[in-house]
């Protein structure tokens, strides 16, 4: 299937589960949260996606996708730690913003792999460095920043001022 190994196929499938769960959570709940099944599915599928990425060496050795997996796992660990150790108001920002950032990171290799492989006979771009692809990732980053700003503003309005020092 599109030159994928068995591990690559599993990695792609589980990453699609994560992206779909994340997208549904963002649309339905305006945030990804482990307070519900969809958020827990997103986190579990994201961890599996990162772990399986370490076994894929399409371009020789440790590459950008592996670095993205390390960053994603670091953000997930940071979110888990922050939920347990930061004061109330601050910790409420960390989870949705951290998970939104990991969702953005999912999109980078997803868009890159899709654009360089499909359609099979004439991929949309010739390489991961194609200007059109880089521009697309830039637009996605801007959308992430807008969404994160909107999430932060929404949280600011929903957390009572009396809990600010909690």
C-alpha atoms as a PDB file:
ATOM      1  CA  UNK A   1       0.000   0.000   0.000  1.00  0.00           C
ATOM      2  CA  UNK A   2       1.754   3.146  -1.262  1.00  0.00           C
ATOM      3  CA  UNK A   3       5.146   1.646  -0.447  1.00  0.00           C
ATOM      4  CA  UNK A   4       4.387   1.245   3.258  1.00  0.00           C
ATOM      5  CA  UNK A   5       5.770  -1.542   5.422  1.00  0.00           C
ATOM      6  CA  UNK A   6       3.501  -3.406   7.822  1.00  0.00           C
ATOM      7  CA  UNK A   7       4.675  -1.099  10.615  1.00  0.00           C
ATOM      8  CA  UNK A   8       4.131   1.911   8.354  1.00  0.00           C
ATOM      9  CA  UNK A   9       0.596   0.794   7.589  1.00  0.00           C
ATOM     10  CA  UNK A  10      -0.191   0.302  11.302  1.00  0.00           C
ATOM     11  CA  UNK A  11       1.438   3.653  12.123  1.00  0.00           C
ATOM     12  CA  UNK A  12      -0.653   5.392   9.453  1.00  0.00           C
ATOM     13  CA  UNK A  13      -3.870   3.739  10.619  1.00  0.00           C
ATOM     14  CA  UNK A  14      -3.348   4.602  14.281  1.00  0.00           C
ATOM     15  CA  UNK A  15      -2.338   8.163  13.391  1.00  0.00           C
ATOM     16  CA  UNK A  16      -5.582   8.530  11.439  1.00  0.00           C
ATOM     17  CA  UNK A  17      -7.484   7.380  14.542  1.00  0.00           C
ATOM     18  CA  UNK A  18      -5.679  10.075  16.550  1.00  0.00           C
ATOM     19  CA  UNK A  19      -6.307  12.813  13.980  1.00  0.00           C
ATOM     20  CA  UNK A  20      -9.980  11.927  13.590  1.00  0.00           C
ATOM     21  CA  UNK A  21     -10.501  11.729  17.379  1.00  0.00           C
ATOM     22  CA  UNK A  22      -8.688  15.044  17.818  1.00  0.00           C
ATOM     23  CA  UNK A  23     -10.657  16.738  15.058  1.00  0.00           C
ATOM     24  CA  UNK A  24     -13.989  15.502  16.408  1.00  0.00           C
ATOM     25  CA  UNK A  25     -13.032  16.647  19.929  1.00  0.00           C
ATOM     26  CA  UNK A  26     -11.966  20.073  18.678  1.00  0.00           C
ATOM     27  CA  UNK A  27     -15.197  20.525  16.721  1.00  0.00           C
ATOM     28  CA  UNK A  28     -17.516  19.020  19.331  1.00  0.00           C
ATOM     29  CA  UNK A  29     -15.907  20.231  22.572  1.00  0.00           C
ATOM     30  CA  UNK A  30     -13.659  23.057  21.306  1.00  0.00           C
ATOM     31  CA  UNK A  31     -10.760  21.276  23.043  1.00  0.00           C
ATOM     32  CA  UNK A  32      -9.117  17.897  23.423  1.00  0.00           C
ATOM     33  CA  UNK A  33      -9.457  16.726  27.023  1.00  0.00           C
ATOM     34  CA  UNK A  34      -8.753  13.471  28.817  1.00  0.00           C
ATOM     35  CA  UNK A  35     -11.902  14.101  30.828  1.00  0.00           C
ATOM     36  CA  UNK A  36     -13.798  12.190  28.124  1.00  0.00           C
ATOM     37  CA  UNK A  37     -13.307   9.015  26.062  1.00  0.00           C
ATOM     38  CA  UNK A  38     -12.575  10.859  22.855  1.00  0.00           C
ATOM     39  CA  UNK A  39      -9.710  12.774  24.469  1.00  0.00           C
ATOM     40  CA  UNK A  40      -8.315   9.609  26.050  1.00  0.00           C
ATOM     41  CA  UNK A  41      -8.528   7.863  22.655  1.00  0.00           C
ATOM     42  CA  UNK A  42      -6.677  10.801  21.085  1.00  0.00           C
ATOM     43  CA  UNK A  43      -3.869  10.641  23.661  1.00  0.00           C
ATOM     44  CA  UNK A  44      -3.524   6.843  23.469  1.00  0.00           C
ATOM     45  CA  UNK A  45      -3.490   6.847  19.657  1.00  0.00           C
ATOM     46  CA  UNK A  46      -1.017   9.733  19.661  1.00  0.00           C
ATOM     47  CA  UNK A  47       1.358   7.865  21.987  1.00  0.00           C
ATOM     48  CA  UNK A  48       1.122   4.744  19.777  1.00  0.00           C
ATOM     49  CA  UNK A  49       1.723   6.883  16.695  1.00  0.00           C
ATOM     50  CA  UNK A  50       4.869   8.345  18.265  1.00  0.00           C
ATOM     51  CA  UNK A  51       6.178   4.982  19.415  1.00  0.00           C
ATOM     52  CA  UNK A  52       5.628   3.337  16.041  1.00  0.00           C
ATOM     53  CA  UNK A  53       7.321   6.294  14.317  1.00  0.00           C
ATOM     54  CA  UNK A  54      10.604   5.280  15.959  1.00  0.00           C
ATOM     55  CA  UNK A  55      10.601   2.057  13.930  1.00  0.00           C
ATOM     56  CA  UNK A  56      10.187   3.774  10.570  1.00  0.00           C
ATOM     57  CA  UNK A  57      13.403   4.816   8.848  1.00  0.00           C
ATOM     58  CA  UNK A  58      12.282   5.627   5.309  1.00  0.00           C
ATOM     59  CA  UNK A  59      14.988   8.270   4.861  1.00  0.00           C
ATOM     60  CA  UNK A  60      17.921   6.459   6.471  1.00  0.00           C
ATOM     61  CA  UNK A  61      18.167   7.367  10.146  1.00  0.00           C
ATOM     62  CA  UNK A  62      16.729   9.612  12.820  1.00  0.00           C
ATOM     63  CA  UNK A  63      14.848  12.351  10.982  1.00  0.00           C
ATOM     64  CA  UNK A  64      12.349  15.161  11.334  1.00  0.00           C
ATOM     65  CA  UNK A  65       9.439  12.763  11.923  1.00  0.00           C
ATOM     66  CA  UNK A  66      11.340  11.128  14.786  1.00  0.00           C
ATOM     67  CA  UNK A  67      12.040  14.573  16.266  1.00  0.00           C
ATOM     68  CA  UNK A  68       8.317  15.366  15.998  1.00  0.00           C
ATOM     69  CA  UNK A  69       7.561  12.155  17.900  1.00  0.00           C
ATOM     70  CA  UNK A  70      10.017  13.113  20.660  1.00  0.00           C
ATOM     71  CA  UNK A  71       8.514  16.612  20.904  1.00  0.00           C
ATOM     72  CA  UNK A  72       4.982  15.208  20.969  1.00  0.00           C
ATOM     73  CA  UNK A  73       5.814  12.719  23.726  1.00  0.00           C
ATOM     74  CA  UNK A  74       7.487  15.533  25.675  1.00  0.00           C
ATOM     75  CA  UNK A  75       4.397  17.733  25.364  1.00  0.00           C
ATOM     76  CA  UNK A  76       2.125  14.857  26.417  1.00  0.00           C
ATOM     77  CA  UNK A  77       4.322  14.192  29.457  1.00  0.00           C
ATOM     78  CA  UNK A  78       4.385  17.915  30.242  1.00  0.00           C
ATOM     79  CA  UNK A  79       0.589  18.106  30.097  1.00  0.00           C
ATOM     80  CA  UNK A  80       0.243  15.108  32.426  1.00  0.00           C
ATOM     81  CA  UNK A  81       2.751  16.602  34.866  1.00  0.00           C
ATOM     82  CA  UNK A  82       1.182  20.069  34.728  1.00  0.00           C
ATOM     83  CA  UNK A  83      -2.290  18.722  35.463  1.00  0.00           C
ATOM     84  CA  UNK A  84      -0.954  17.278  38.704  1.00  0.00           C
ATOM     85  CA  UNK A  85       1.378  20.017  39.862  1.00  0.00           C
ATOM     86  CA  UNK A  86       0.351  23.477  38.607  1.00  0.00           C
ATOM     87  CA  UNK A  87      -2.176  25.693  40.368  1.00  0.00           C
ATOM     88  CA  UNK A  88      -5.797  25.464  39.192  1.00  0.00           C
ATOM     89  CA  UNK A  89      -6.149  28.276  36.659  1.00  0.00           C
ATOM     90  CA  UNK A  90      -2.765  27.681  35.042  1.00  0.00           C
ATOM     91  CA  UNK A  91      -3.282  23.928  34.692  1.00  0.00           C
ATOM     92  CA  UNK A  92      -6.603  24.511  32.937  1.00  0.00           C
ATOM     93  CA  UNK A  93      -4.731  26.151  30.060  1.00  0.00           C
ATOM     94  CA  UNK A  94      -2.020  23.524  29.735  1.00  0.00           C
ATOM     95  CA  UNK A  95      -4.153  20.550  28.729  1.00  0.00           C
ATOM     96  CA  UNK A  96      -6.180  22.026  25.849  1.00  0.00           C
ATOM     97  CA  UNK A  97      -3.310  24.121  24.514  1.00  0.00           C
ATOM     98  CA  UNK A  98      -0.799  21.279  24.832  1.00  0.00           C
ATOM     99  CA  UNK A  99      -3.094  18.780  23.133  1.00  0.00           C
ATOM    100  CA  UNK A 100      -3.904  21.303  20.397  1.00  0.00           C
ATOM    101  CA  UNK A 101      -0.170  21.693  19.796  1.00  0.00           C
ATOM    102  CA  UNK A 102       0.247  17.919  19.488  1.00  0.00           C
ATOM    103  CA  UNK A 103      -2.663  17.906  17.030  1.00  0.00           C
ATOM    104  CA  UNK A 104      -0.817  20.486  14.935  1.00  0.00           C
ATOM    105  CA  UNK A 105       2.329  18.343  15.069  1.00  0.00           C
ATOM    106  CA  UNK A 106       0.265  15.362  13.806  1.00  0.00           C
ATOM    107  CA  UNK A 107      -0.719  17.405  10.775  1.00  0.00           C
ATOM    108  CA  UNK A 108       2.840  18.145   9.643  1.00  0.00           C
ATOM    109  CA  UNK A 109       3.907  14.588   8.713  1.00  0.00           C
ATOM    110  CA  UNK A 110       0.325  13.740   7.766  1.00  0.00           C
ATOM    111  CA  UNK A 111       0.078  16.527   5.201  1.00  0.00           C
ATOM    112  CA  UNK A 112       3.665  15.954   4.066  1.00  0.00           C
ATOM    113  CA  UNK A 113       3.252  12.216   3.507  1.00  0.00           C
ATOM    114  CA  UNK A 114      -0.122  12.659   1.814  1.00  0.00           C
ATOM    115  CA  UNK A 115       1.089  15.413  -0.515  1.00  0.00           C
ATOM    116  CA  UNK A 116       4.254  13.549  -1.508  1.00  0.00           C
ATOM    117  CA  UNK A 117       2.459  10.206  -2.104  1.00  0.00           C
ATOM    118  CA  UNK A 118      -0.991  11.042  -3.491  1.00  0.00           C
ATOM    119  CA  UNK A 119      -2.309  10.776  -6.052  1.00  0.00           C
ATOM    120  CA  UNK A 120      -0.121   7.786  -6.612  1.00  0.00           C
ATOM    121  CA  UNK A 121       0.603   8.477 -10.292  1.00  0.00           C
ATOM    122  CA  UNK A 122       1.404  12.179  -9.811  1.00  0.00           C
ATOM    123  CA  UNK A 123       1.824  13.320  -6.185  1.00  0.00           C
ATOM    124  CA  UNK A 124       0.748  16.863  -5.356  1.00  0.00           C
ATOM    125  CA  UNK A 125       4.341  17.886  -4.558  1.00  0.00           C
ATOM    126  CA  UNK A 126       7.681  16.397  -5.499  1.00  0.00           C
ATOM    127  CA  UNK A 127       9.378  16.655  -2.102  1.00  0.00           C
ATOM    128  CA  UNK A 128       8.815  17.625   1.538  1.00  0.00           C
ATOM    129  CA  UNK A 129      10.712  20.841   0.786  1.00  0.00           C
ATOM    130  CA  UNK A 130       8.316  21.984  -1.967  1.00  0.00           C
ATOM    131  CA  UNK A 131       7.285  25.632  -1.458  1.00  0.00           C
ATOM    132  CA  UNK A 132       3.581  24.815  -1.776  1.00  0.00           C
ATOM    133  CA  UNK A 133       3.857  22.249   0.999  1.00  0.00           C
ATOM    134  CA  UNK A 134       5.833  24.597   3.225  1.00  0.00           C
ATOM    135  CA  UNK A 135       3.184  27.283   2.664  1.00  0.00           C
ATOM    136  CA  UNK A 136       0.440  24.812   3.586  1.00  0.00           C
ATOM    137  CA  UNK A 137       2.218  23.955   6.829  1.00  0.00           C
ATOM    138  CA  UNK A 138       2.613  27.677   7.503  1.00  0.00           C
ATOM    139  CA  UNK A 139      -1.125  28.181   7.059  1.00  0.00           C
ATOM    140  CA  UNK A 140      -1.806  25.251   9.414  1.00  0.00           C
ATOM    141  CA  UNK A 141       0.517  26.841  11.982  1.00  0.00           C
ATOM    142  CA  UNK A 142      -1.368  30.145  11.708  1.00  0.00           C
ATOM    143  CA  UNK A 143      -4.647  28.262  12.175  1.00  0.00           C
ATOM    144  CA  UNK A 144      -3.150  26.549  15.238  1.00  0.00           C
ATOM    145  CA  UNK A 145      -2.142  29.936  16.693  1.00  0.00           C
ATOM    146  CA  UNK A 146      -5.616  31.381  16.054  1.00  0.00           C
ATOM    147  CA  UNK A 147      -7.269  28.308  17.584  1.00  0.00           C
ATOM    148  CA  UNK A 148      -4.958  28.332  20.598  1.00  0.00           C
ATOM    149  CA  UNK A 149      -5.668  32.027  21.138  1.00  0.00           C
ATOM    150  CA  UNK A 150      -9.384  31.374  20.897  1.00  0.00           C
ATOM    151  CA  UNK A 151      -9.097  28.463  23.368  1.00  0.00           C
ATOM    152  CA  UNK A 152      -7.106  30.594  25.822  1.00  0.00           C
ATOM    153  CA  UNK A 153      -9.636  33.443  25.599  1.00  0.00           C
ATOM    154  CA  UNK A 154     -12.502  30.988  26.079  1.00  0.00           C
ATOM    155  CA  UNK A 155     -10.818  29.505  29.144  1.00  0.00           C
ATOM    156  CA  UNK A 156     -10.115  32.966  30.527  1.00  0.00           C
ATOM    157  CA  UNK A 157     -13.825  33.796  30.326  1.00  0.00           C
ATOM    158  CA  UNK A 158     -15.023  30.495  31.837  1.00  0.00           C
ATOM    159  CA  UNK A 159     -12.749  30.293  34.893  1.00  0.00           C
ATOM    160  CA  UNK A 160     -14.117  32.479  37.703  1.00  0.00           C
ATOM    161  CA  UNK A 161     -11.757  35.192  38.944  1.00  0.00           C
ATOM    162  CA  UNK A 162     -12.212  33.865  42.497  1.00  0.00           C
ATOM    163  CA  UNK A 163     -10.331  30.701  41.438  1.00  0.00           C
ATOM    164  CA  UNK A 164      -7.375  32.591  39.954  1.00  0.00           C
ATOM    165  CA  UNK A 165      -5.214  31.992  43.014  1.00  0.00           C
ATOM    166  CA  UNK A 166      -6.235  28.372  43.488  1.00  0.00           C
END
